[in-house]
Amino acid sequence: MDFLDRELYGNPVSRWLVAAGVALVVALALWLVKAVVFGRLRALTSRTSTRVDDIFVQTLQHTRWFFYIGLGVYLGSQWLVIADTTENAIEIAAAIVLFLQVGVWLQNAVRLSVDAYSAEHGDSPSTATMAAAIGFFARLIIWTLVLLAVLSNLGVEINAVLAGLGVGGIAAALALQNVLGDLFASLAIYFDRPFDIGDFVIVDGFQGNVVKIGMRSTRMRSIGGEQIVFANADLAKSRLRNYRRMEERRVVFGVGIEYNLPYERVEQASRLIREAIEEQVGVRFDRAHFKGYGDFALQYEAVYYVLSPDYAIYMDKQQAINLALYKKFEGAGIPFAFPTQTLHVKTDEPLGAEHAR
């Protein structure tokens, strides 16, 4: 009993034990609520048709350990007689812990809401891009507000900070103009949406699928498998081809046939090319013409449209047209041309004079 009555920093040991017991009980009680009660609530909410209760329960399950300890220490300190400065310091620390936990809750609530929206509207590239944009800006706003709340709680004049940022922001903008340029370019990409995650694009000769649109850079996965990284500012100024947005594919191809064919076969060749194209399903014929006289072939040019942007489908159609054209030319006796060269030799005296000698 003498030990319990002994004073330690202005409080008997018994009060310190009570304060520690209160802090421990509060922390353990909150941990049990998270582990048991919220687990059962999650099982119940999963059976309902609405997503709001699921998001609410899952958000509360992201309560962090520092919140348990901070709340326990604050409530335990109420049993102690402490100096005003120490009490203020504990209250400030508890408020900071609360702000941080609220930031974690809000961040996870936004993430779960975005995931629910994506699941409802399908896993499309546009939905993925919009989800990434909302998540990025939500995190930026949430943690900016948390930072301002923490600074205000620490006694920092927010107006003075904002005024200082206004003056120092000019110098910072000059020093970080490349970073800020990439940041604003990412905003333009998010809102203008020249491409979505998963789109196949070509930029300055580099081609691949977009895999991530970040704050500073955009990443692509090339056909060869390597990752290509573009600064957002450079990407916003580049000429970009987005093949995912293509509705149909225009195809131009040419063939050549041999010289010295009868006129009828030369005229027939363009009709056979048209027939070979029009026989294919999912293809729209545009034109086929005898284009001109080449070095070793009579040249024909044909144009058609594949009614799908898929490259594999285009190659299937082109192969079918090539095979059909080969068969038709073979049946009509029209040979394809290949590089040849004919030499005409001319002498100054007749061949007979040579033999006379």
Protein backbone atom coordinates (compact mmCIF):
# COMPACT_ATOMS: atom_id res chain seq x y z
CA MET A 1 0.00 0.00 0.00
CA ASP A 2 2.91 2.34 0.70
CA PHE A 3 4.13 1.67 -2.86
CA LEU A 4 0.74 2.57 -4.38
CA ASP A 5 0.61 5.80 -2.38
CA ARG A 6 4.07 6.86 -3.42
CA GLU A 7 4.01 9.95 -5.68
CA LEU A 8 5.48 9.86 -9.16
CA TYR A 9 5.49 13.08 -11.19
CA GLY A 10 2.73 14.57 -9.06
CA ASN A 11 0.45 11.50 -9.06
CA PRO A 12 0.37 8.44 -6.83
CA VAL A 13 1.42 5.15 -8.42
CA SER A 14 -2.17 3.91 -8.07
CA ARG A 15 -3.38 6.65 -10.42
CA TRP A 16 -0.67 5.80 -12.92
CA LEU A 17 -1.78 2.17 -12.85
CA VAL A 18 -5.43 3.17 -13.33
CA ALA A 19 -4.47 5.45 -16.25
CA ALA A 20 -2.41 2.69 -17.85
CA GLY A 21 -5.25 0.21 -17.32
CA VAL A 22 -7.77 2.58 -18.93
CA ALA A 23 -5.46 3.15 -21.93
CA LEU A 24 -4.91 -0.60 -22.35
CA VAL A 25 -8.60 -1.49 -21.98
CA VAL A 26 -9.67 1.19 -24.50
CA ALA A 27 -7.06 0.04 -27.06
CA LEU A 28 -7.97 -3.64 -26.64
CA ALA A 29 -11.71 -2.89 -26.76
CA LEU A 30 -11.33 -0.98 -30.05
CA TRP A 31 -9.20 -3.78 -31.49
CA LEU A 32 -11.82 -6.39 -30.51
CA VAL A 33 -14.61 -4.28 -32.03
CA LYS A 34 -12.66 -4.13 -35.30
CA ALA A 35 -11.79 -7.84 -35.28
CA VAL A 36 -15.12 -9.30 -34.17
CA VAL A 37 -18.00 -6.84 -34.51
CA PHE A 38 -16.97 -5.32 -37.85
CA GLY A 39 -16.23 -8.79 -39.22
CA ARG A 40 -19.78 -9.89 -38.48
CA LEU A 41 -21.23 -6.63 -39.77
CA ARG A 42 -19.34 -7.12 -43.03
CA ALA A 43 -20.85 -10.59 -43.41
CA LEU A 44 -24.33 -9.10 -42.88
CA THR A 45 -23.89 -6.16 -45.24
CA SER A 46 -22.61 -8.45 -47.99
CA ARG A 47 -26.11 -9.93 -48.21
CA THR A 48 -27.80 -6.58 -48.91
CA SER A 49 -28.27 -5.16 -52.39
CA THR A 50 -26.92 -1.68 -51.62
CA ARG A 51 -23.21 -0.89 -51.61
CA VAL A 52 -23.33 2.01 -49.13
CA ASP A 53 -23.36 -0.17 -46.01
CA ASP A 54 -20.52 -2.32 -47.41
CA ILE A 55 -18.40 0.78 -48.03
CA PHE A 56 -19.18 2.15 -44.54
CA VAL A 57 -18.19 -1.04 -42.71
CA GLN A 58 -15.09 -1.67 -44.82
CA THR A 59 -13.99 1.93 -44.29
CA LEU A 60 -14.22 1.58 -40.50
CA GLN A 61 -12.22 -1.64 -40.72
CA HIS A 62 -9.26 0.46 -41.90
CA THR A 63 -8.87 1.88 -38.38
CA ARG A 64 -5.13 1.94 -37.64
CA TRP A 65 -3.24 0.88 -34.51
CA PHE A 66 -2.05 4.43 -33.76
CA PHE A 67 -5.69 5.49 -33.36
CA TYR A 68 -6.25 2.83 -30.67
CA ILE A 69 -3.14 3.86 -28.79
CA GLY A 70 -3.74 7.59 -29.18
CA LEU A 71 -7.34 7.40 -27.95
CA GLY A 72 -6.34 5.10 -25.10
CA VAL A 73 -3.55 7.41 -23.95
CA TYR A 74 -5.83 10.46 -24.13
CA LEU A 75 -8.61 8.83 -22.05
CA GLY A 76 -6.09 7.40 -19.59
CA SER A 77 -4.53 10.82 -19.07
CA GLN A 78 -7.86 12.10 -17.77
CA TRP A 79 -7.21 10.16 -14.54
CA LEU A 80 -3.99 12.04 -13.91
CA VAL A 81 -3.28 15.46 -12.51
CA ILE A 82 -0.83 16.94 -14.98
CA ALA A 83 0.47 20.37 -15.87
CA ASP A 84 -1.43 22.48 -18.35
CA THR A 85 1.41 22.36 -20.90
CA THR A 86 1.53 18.56 -20.75
CA GLU A 87 -2.24 18.34 -21.03
CA ASN A 88 -2.20 20.64 -24.07
CA ALA A 89 0.52 18.53 -25.67
CA ILE A 90 -1.54 15.35 -25.15
CA GLU A 91 -4.64 17.02 -26.61
CA ILE A 92 -2.69 18.22 -29.64
CA ALA A 93 -1.20 14.74 -30.20
CA ALA A 94 -4.66 13.15 -29.87
CA ALA A 95 -6.10 15.64 -32.37
CA ILE A 96 -3.29 14.90 -34.86
CA VAL A 97 -3.91 11.16 -34.48
CA LEU A 98 -7.62 11.77 -35.11
CA PHE A 99 -6.93 13.85 -38.23
CA LEU A 100 -4.63 11.16 -39.61
CA GLN A 101 -7.22 8.46 -38.98
CA VAL A 102 -9.96 10.53 -40.62
CA GLY A 103 -7.66 10.94 -43.64
CA VAL A 104 -7.21 7.15 -43.81
CA TRP A 105 -10.98 6.63 -43.54
CA LEU A 106 -11.77 9.16 -46.27
CA GLN A 107 -9.08 7.80 -48.60
CA ASN A 108 -10.39 4.25 -48.29
CA ALA A 109 -13.99 5.40 -48.63
CA VAL A 110 -13.12 7.09 -51.93
CA ARG A 111 -11.19 4.03 -53.12
CA LEU A 112 -14.06 1.66 -52.28
CA SER A 113 -16.58 3.99 -53.92
CA VAL A 114 -14.48 4.18 -57.09
CA ASP A 115 -14.10 0.38 -57.13
CA ALA A 116 -17.88 0.01 -56.77
CA TYR A 117 -18.43 2.47 -59.63
CA SER A 118 -15.96 0.60 -61.83
CA ALA A 119 -17.62 -2.74 -61.05
CA GLU A 120 -21.04 -1.30 -61.88
CA HIS A 121 -20.01 0.29 -65.18
CA GLY A 122 -17.76 -2.51 -66.38
CA ASP A 123 -14.01 -2.85 -66.64
CA SER A 124 -13.62 -0.57 -69.66
CA PRO A 125 -10.54 1.56 -70.44
CA SER A 126 -12.49 4.82 -70.01
CA THR A 127 -13.78 3.70 -66.62
CA ALA A 128 -10.27 2.73 -65.50
CA THR A 129 -8.90 6.13 -66.56
CA MET A 130 -11.71 7.99 -64.79
CA ALA A 131 -11.22 5.89 -61.64
CA ALA A 132 -7.49 6.66 -61.61
CA ALA A 133 -8.16 10.40 -62.02
CA ILE A 134 -10.77 10.50 -59.25
CA GLY A 135 -8.56 8.51 -56.89
CA PHE A 136 -5.54 10.73 -57.51
CA PHE A 137 -7.32 14.05 -57.00
CA ALA A 138 -9.30 12.76 -54.02
CA ARG A 139 -6.09 11.72 -52.26
CA LEU A 140 -4.50 15.06 -53.07
CA ILE A 141 -7.43 17.03 -51.60
CA ILE A 142 -7.86 14.79 -48.54
CA TRP A 143 -4.23 14.88 -47.43
CA THR A 144 -3.91 18.59 -48.18
CA LEU A 145 -6.83 19.25 -45.83
CA VAL A 146 -5.35 16.89 -43.22
CA LEU A 147 -2.02 18.72 -43.43
CA LEU A 148 -3.71 22.10 -42.99
CA ALA A 149 -5.71 20.78 -40.02
CA VAL A 150 -2.55 19.40 -38.38
CA LEU A 151 -0.69 22.69 -38.89
CA SER A 152 -3.62 24.66 -37.49
CA ASN A 153 -3.77 22.39 -34.45
CA LEU A 154 -0.05 22.93 -33.86
CA GLY A 155 -0.68 26.66 -33.67
CA VAL A 156 0.57 27.59 -37.12
CA GLU A 157 -1.27 30.53 -38.70
CA ILE A 158 -2.78 29.08 -41.86
CA ASN A 159 -3.31 32.51 -43.42
CA ALA A 160 0.36 33.32 -42.92
CA VAL A 161 1.33 29.98 -44.43
CA LEU A 162 -0.87 30.58 -47.46
CA ALA A 163 0.54 34.10 -47.85
CA GLY A 164 4.07 32.72 -47.60
CA LEU A 165 3.24 30.11 -50.19
CA GLY A 166 2.01 32.88 -52.47
CA VAL A 167 5.38 34.65 -52.26
CA GLY A 168 7.53 31.55 -52.21
CA GLY A 169 5.37 29.84 -54.80
CA ILE A 170 6.85 31.99 -57.55
CA ALA A 171 10.37 30.86 -56.72
CA ALA A 172 9.22 27.27 -56.31
CA ALA A 173 7.42 27.41 -59.64
CA LEU A 174 10.59 28.59 -61.39
CA ALA A 175 12.67 25.88 -59.72
CA LEU A 176 10.13 23.14 -60.34
CA GLN A 177 8.74 24.27 -63.67
CA ASN A 178 9.42 20.90 -65.33
CA VAL A 179 7.67 19.01 -62.52
CA LEU A 180 4.75 21.45 -62.54
CA GLY A 181 4.58 21.18 -66.33
CA ASP A 182 4.23 17.40 -66.04
CA LEU A 183 1.61 17.83 -63.29
CA PHE A 184 -0.57 20.19 -65.35
CA ALA A 185 -0.08 17.98 -68.40
CA SER A 186 -1.41 15.04 -66.37
CA LEU A 187 -4.49 17.13 -65.55
CA ALA A 188 -4.98 17.81 -69.26
CA ILE A 189 -4.61 14.11 -70.06
CA TYR A 190 -7.09 13.12 -67.32
CA PHE A 191 -9.76 15.59 -68.42
CA ASP A 192 -9.18 15.73 -72.20
CA ARG A 193 -8.61 11.94 -72.37
CA PRO A 194 -6.73 11.58 -75.67
CA PHE A 195 -6.25 7.94 -74.60
CA ASP A 196 -7.39 5.58 -71.87
CA ILE A 197 -5.59 2.87 -69.93
CA GLY A 198 -5.29 -0.16 -72.20
CA ASP A 199 -5.35 1.80 -75.49
CA PHE A 200 -2.81 0.96 -78.19
CA VAL A 201 -1.08 4.19 -79.22
CA ILE A 202 1.89 5.32 -81.32
CA VAL A 203 3.92 8.33 -80.12
CA ASP A 204 6.97 9.55 -82.04
CA GLY A 205 7.62 6.10 -83.47
CA PHE A 206 7.13 4.31 -80.14
CA GLN A 207 4.11 2.04 -79.92
CA GLY A 208 2.46 0.04 -77.18
CA ASN A 209 -0.45 -0.25 -74.74
CA VAL A 210 -0.97 2.40 -72.04
CA VAL A 211 -0.65 0.74 -68.62
CA LYS A 212 -0.51 3.71 -66.22
CA ILE A 213 -1.17 7.46 -66.26
CA GLY A 214 0.76 8.97 -63.35
CA MET A 215 1.26 12.45 -61.93
CA ARG A 216 4.61 12.95 -63.67
CA SER A 217 4.76 10.33 -66.40
CA THR A 218 2.74 7.89 -68.48
CA ARG A 219 3.90 4.30 -68.94
CA MET A 220 3.39 2.10 -71.98
CA ARG A 221 4.09 -1.57 -72.58
CA SER A 222 5.58 -2.05 -76.05
CA ILE A 223 4.92 -4.98 -78.37
CA GLY A 224 8.37 -6.34 -77.48
CA GLY A 225 7.48 -6.33 -73.79
CA GLU A 226 9.67 -3.50 -72.50
CA GLN A 227 8.23 -0.54 -70.62
CA ILE A 228 8.32 2.90 -72.25
CA VAL A 229 8.05 5.99 -70.01
CA PHE A 230 6.94 9.39 -71.35
CA ALA A 231 6.99 12.65 -69.40
CA ASN A 232 3.43 13.96 -69.41
CA ALA A 233 4.52 17.38 -70.67
CA ASP A 234 6.27 15.80 -73.68
CA LEU A 235 3.31 13.51 -74.29
CA ALA A 236 0.83 16.41 -74.28
CA LYS A 237 2.84 18.14 -77.03
CA SER A 238 3.40 15.04 -79.19
CA ARG A 239 1.45 13.81 -82.20
CA LEU A 240 -0.33 10.69 -81.01
CA ARG A 241 -2.18 7.95 -82.87
CA ASN A 242 -4.79 6.08 -80.85
CA TYR A 243 -5.71 2.83 -82.58
CA ARG A 244 -8.29 1.87 -79.94
CA ARG A 245 -10.47 4.77 -81.10
CA MET A 246 -10.35 3.52 -84.69
CA GLU A 247 -13.78 2.38 -85.95
CA GLU A 248 -12.61 0.80 -89.21
CA ARG A 249 -9.26 0.28 -90.91
CA ARG A 250 -8.42 1.61 -94.41
CA VAL A 251 -6.09 -0.68 -96.37
CA VAL A 252 -4.12 0.16 -99.52
CA PHE A 253 -2.23 -2.59 -101.30
CA GLY A 254 -0.76 -3.12 -104.74
CA VAL A 255 0.08 -5.96 -107.13
CA GLY A 256 2.00 -6.16 -110.36
CA ILE A 257 1.54 -8.33 -113.45
CA GLU A 258 3.86 -9.05 -116.33
CA TYR A 259 4.22 -6.93 -119.46
CA ASN A 260 3.41 -8.32 -122.92
CA LEU A 261 -0.08 -9.54 -121.94
CA PRO A 262 -3.11 -9.10 -124.19
CA TYR A 263 -5.25 -6.02 -123.59
CA GLU A 264 -8.20 -8.13 -122.42
CA ARG A 265 -6.20 -9.66 -119.54
CA VAL A 266 -4.80 -6.30 -118.50
CA GLU A 267 -8.34 -4.97 -118.31
CA GLN A 268 -9.59 -8.13 -116.56
CA ALA A 269 -7.04 -7.89 -113.73
CA SER A 270 -8.73 -4.93 -111.98
CA ARG A 271 -12.09 -6.73 -112.08
CA LEU A 272 -10.56 -9.85 -110.52
CA ILE A 273 -9.04 -7.73 -107.73
CA ARG A 274 -12.46 -6.23 -107.02
CA GLU A 275 -14.09 -9.66 -106.94
CA ALA A 276 -11.45 -11.00 -104.53
CA ILE A 277 -12.16 -8.12 -102.11
CA GLU A 278 -15.97 -8.14 -102.37
CA GLU A 279 -16.11 -11.88 -101.61
CA GLN A 280 -14.87 -11.27 -98.06
CA VAL A 281 -17.29 -10.75 -95.16
CA GLY A 282 -16.68 -7.69 -92.96
CA VAL A 283 -14.93 -5.79 -95.76
CA ARG A 284 -16.08 -2.77 -97.80
CA PHE A 285 -14.58 -2.35 -101.28
CA ASP A 286 -13.52 1.16 -102.29
CA ARG A 287 -11.59 1.00 -105.59
CA ALA A 288 -9.17 -0.96 -107.78
CA HIS A 289 -7.26 0.63 -110.67
CA PHE A 290 -4.51 0.01 -113.20
CA LYS A 291 -2.16 2.52 -111.58
CA GLY A 292 0.75 2.76 -113.99
CA TYR A 293 3.76 1.30 -115.75
CA GLY A 294 6.52 0.19 -113.44
CA ASP A 295 10.10 -0.77 -114.20
CA PHE A 296 9.25 -4.44 -114.60
CA ALA A 297 5.46 -4.70 -113.98
CA LEU A 298 2.06 -3.28 -114.78
CA GLN A 299 1.02 -1.86 -111.43
CA TYR A 300 -2.43 -2.07 -109.85
CA GLU A 301 -3.61 -0.39 -106.65
CA ALA A 302 -6.64 -1.37 -104.56
CA VAL A 303 -8.28 0.23 -101.52
CA TYR A 304 -10.75 -1.38 -99.12
CA TYR A 305 -11.96 -0.98 -95.52
CA VAL A 306 -11.96 -3.63 -92.81
CA LEU A 307 -15.04 -3.00 -90.64
CA SER A 308 -13.10 -3.64 -87.42
CA PRO A 309 -10.08 -1.90 -85.82
CA ASP A 310 -8.57 -5.23 -84.73
CA TYR A 311 -5.17 -5.76 -86.39
CA ALA A 312 -5.49 -9.56 -86.33
CA ILE A 313 -8.81 -9.36 -88.20
CA TYR A 314 -7.20 -7.06 -90.78
CA MET A 315 -4.41 -9.58 -91.38
CA ASP A 316 -6.93 -12.42 -91.71
CA LYS A 317 -8.84 -10.46 -94.37
CA GLN A 318 -5.69 -9.47 -96.25
CA GLN A 319 -4.52 -13.10 -96.32
CA ALA A 320 -7.91 -14.26 -97.63
CA ILE A 321 -7.81 -11.59 -100.37
CA ASN A 322 -4.26 -12.56 -101.36
CA LEU A 323 -5.18 -16.23 -101.65
CA ALA A 324 -8.36 -15.50 -103.60
CA LEU A 325 -6.44 -13.19 -105.94
CA TYR A 326 -3.72 -15.77 -106.50
CA LYS A 327 -6.35 -18.35 -107.47
CA LYS A 328 -8.19 -15.98 -109.80
CA PHE A 329 -5.04 -14.80 -111.58
CA GLU A 330 -3.88 -18.39 -111.97
CA GLY A 331 -7.22 -19.39 -113.50
CA ALA A 332 -7.21 -16.41 -115.87
CA GLY A 333 -3.62 -16.98 -116.99
CA ILE A 334 -2.37 -13.67 -115.58
CA PRO A 335 1.15 -14.11 -114.15
CA PHE A 336 2.43 -11.97 -111.33
CA ALA A 337 5.52 -9.95 -112.17
CA PHE A 338 8.90 -10.33 -110.56
CA PRO A 339 12.03 -8.22 -111.09
CA THR A 340 13.42 -8.84 -114.58
CA GLN A 341 15.72 -7.02 -116.98
CA THR A 342 15.87 -7.32 -120.76
CA LEU A 343 19.08 -6.33 -122.61
CA HIS A 344 18.98 -5.24 -126.30
CA VAL A 345 22.44 -5.43 -127.94
CA LYS A 346 23.08 -3.26 -131.00
CA THR A 347 26.25 -3.40 -133.14
CA ASP A 348 27.57 -0.89 -135.71
CA GLU A 349 28.09 -3.46 -138.51
CA PRO A 350 25.92 -6.31 -139.72
CA LEU A 351 26.50 -9.79 -138.36
CA GLY A 352 27.24 -11.09 -141.91
CA ALA A 353 30.38 -8.95 -142.24
CA GLU A 354 31.85 -10.63 -139.19
CA HIS A 355 31.45 -14.07 -140.75
CA ALA A 356 32.86 -12.90 -144.09
CA ARG A 357 36.22 -12.27 -142.45
